[in-house]
Amino acid sequence: MASTLAGSAFPEAIRITLGGSNVQTQLNIPHTASRLSVRFMTNDGMVAFTGSDGGSLGSAYVSIDGDSWAEISLSDGINSSKGVTAVYLSSATASTVVEAMIEG
């Protein structure tokens, strides 16, 4: 099920329990966010920029080791968003929790 970060105050954090392996969960991001940080707890995970909520993971994604933070820049360097308004999070094996934080 899709989750949304409102962006009414920065930083903003959320924890999402992901379903089974390679099933995408959409995380909506406000256009004012400049950075996204994610950490998959225990199990490895994947982040994609295309997909559909509840859909299967496609071939275009990045892998992130479990219990490691990854930072993704959403800004073009002059405090303007690159137009990323959603990412698709997936667990590599079984169910896992992902922590996500945005900064403005």
Protein backbone atom coordinates (compact mmCIF):
# COMPACT_ATOMS: atom_id res chain seq x y z
CA MET A 1 0.00 0.00 0.00
CA ALA A 2 1.36 3.41 -0.96
CA SER A 3 2.65 5.76 1.75
CA THR A 4 3.06 9.51 1.54
CA LEU A 5 5.51 11.94 3.09
CA ALA A 6 3.65 15.26 3.37
CA GLY A 7 6.65 17.58 3.35
CA SER A 8 4.96 20.06 5.69
CA ALA A 9 8.12 20.12 7.85
CA PHE A 10 11.65 18.85 7.27
CA PRO A 11 13.16 16.47 8.07
CA GLU A 12 10.30 13.97 7.90
CA ALA A 13 10.60 10.23 8.53
CA ILE A 14 8.45 7.14 8.00
CA ARG A 15 8.74 3.39 8.65
CA ILE A 16 7.04 0.98 6.26
CA THR A 17 6.68 -2.79 6.55
CA LEU A 18 7.26 -4.23 3.09
CA GLY A 19 5.53 -7.36 1.86
CA GLY A 20 7.12 -10.36 0.20
CA SER A 21 10.17 -10.45 -1.99
CA ASN A 22 10.25 -8.16 -5.07
CA VAL A 23 6.81 -6.62 -4.43
CA GLN A 24 6.91 -2.83 -4.85
CA THR A 25 5.55 -0.37 -2.29
CA GLN A 26 5.15 3.19 -3.56
CA LEU A 27 6.48 6.04 -1.42
CA ASN A 28 5.18 9.44 -2.51
CA ILE A 29 7.64 12.29 -2.01
CA PRO A 30 6.80 16.02 -2.05
CA HIS A 31 8.39 18.03 -4.86
CA THR A 32 10.08 20.25 -2.25
CA ALA A 33 12.26 17.40 -0.93
CA SER A 34 15.95 17.62 -1.81
CA ARG A 35 17.24 14.34 -0.35
CA LEU A 36 15.87 10.88 0.41
CA SER A 37 17.63 8.55 2.86
CA VAL A 38 16.57 4.89 3.16
CA ARG A 39 17.59 1.91 5.30
CA PHE A 40 16.25 -1.62 4.99
CA MET A 41 16.31 -3.33 8.37
CA THR A 42 17.90 -6.81 8.48
CA ASN A 43 17.17 -7.80 4.85
CA ASP A 44 18.55 -6.26 1.65
CA GLY A 45 16.23 -4.07 -0.39
CA MET A 46 15.79 -2.34 -3.73
CA VAL A 47 14.79 1.19 -4.79
CA ALA A 48 13.29 1.88 -8.22
CA PHE A 49 12.10 5.13 -9.78
CA THR A 50 9.49 3.48 -12.00
CA GLY A 51 6.87 0.91 -11.14
CA SER A 52 3.46 0.51 -9.56
CA ASP A 53 2.28 0.02 -6.02
CA GLY A 54 1.85 -3.71 -5.40
CA GLY A 55 3.49 -4.56 -8.73
CA SER A 56 6.51 -6.75 -9.38
CA LEU A 57 10.00 -5.29 -9.34
CA GLY A 58 11.24 -4.50 -12.84
CA SER A 59 14.79 -4.54 -14.18
CA ALA A 60 15.71 -0.91 -13.38
CA TYR A 61 16.55 -0.59 -9.67
CA VAL A 62 19.41 -0.14 -7.23
CA SER A 63 20.21 -2.68 -4.51
CA ILE A 64 20.85 -1.58 -0.94
CA ASP A 65 22.42 -3.82 1.69
CA GLY A 66 20.39 -4.49 4.82
CA ASP A 67 21.15 -2.26 7.82
CA SER A 68 22.94 0.30 5.61
CA TRP A 69 21.83 3.87 4.93
CA ALA A 70 21.68 5.13 1.36
CA GLU A 71 21.22 8.79 0.43
CA ILE A 72 19.63 9.80 -2.87
CA SER A 73 19.84 13.41 -4.02
CA LEU A 74 16.61 14.77 -5.46
CA SER A 75 17.90 18.32 -6.02
CA ASP A 76 19.54 19.87 -9.05
CA GLY A 77 21.97 21.93 -6.97
CA ILE A 78 19.98 25.15 -6.88
CA ASN A 79 17.32 24.01 -4.41
CA SER A 80 14.99 22.83 -7.10
CA SER A 81 13.58 19.30 -7.27
CA LYS A 82 14.46 17.09 -10.23
CA GLY A 83 10.81 16.08 -10.45
CA VAL A 84 11.04 12.83 -8.47
CA THR A 85 7.66 12.49 -6.76
CA ALA A 86 7.70 8.78 -5.92
CA VAL A 87 10.05 5.86 -5.38
CA TYR A 88 9.22 2.17 -5.28
CA LEU A 89 10.66 0.13 -2.41
CA SER A 90 11.04 -3.66 -2.40
CA SER A 91 12.48 -6.27 -0.07
CA ALA A 92 15.00 -8.69 -1.55
CA THR A 93 13.94 -11.58 0.67
CA ALA A 94 10.74 -11.99 2.68
CA SER A 95 9.18 -9.12 4.59
CA THR A 96 11.27 -6.31 6.08
CA VAL A 97 10.90 -2.81 7.49
CA VAL A 98 12.31 0.17 5.61
CA GLU A 99 13.04 3.51 7.23
CA ALA A 100 12.88 6.56 4.97
CA MET A 101 13.63 10.20 5.66
CA ILE A 102 13.37 13.27 3.45
CA GLU A 103 15.09 16.61 3.83
CA GLY A 104 14.18 19.90 2.20
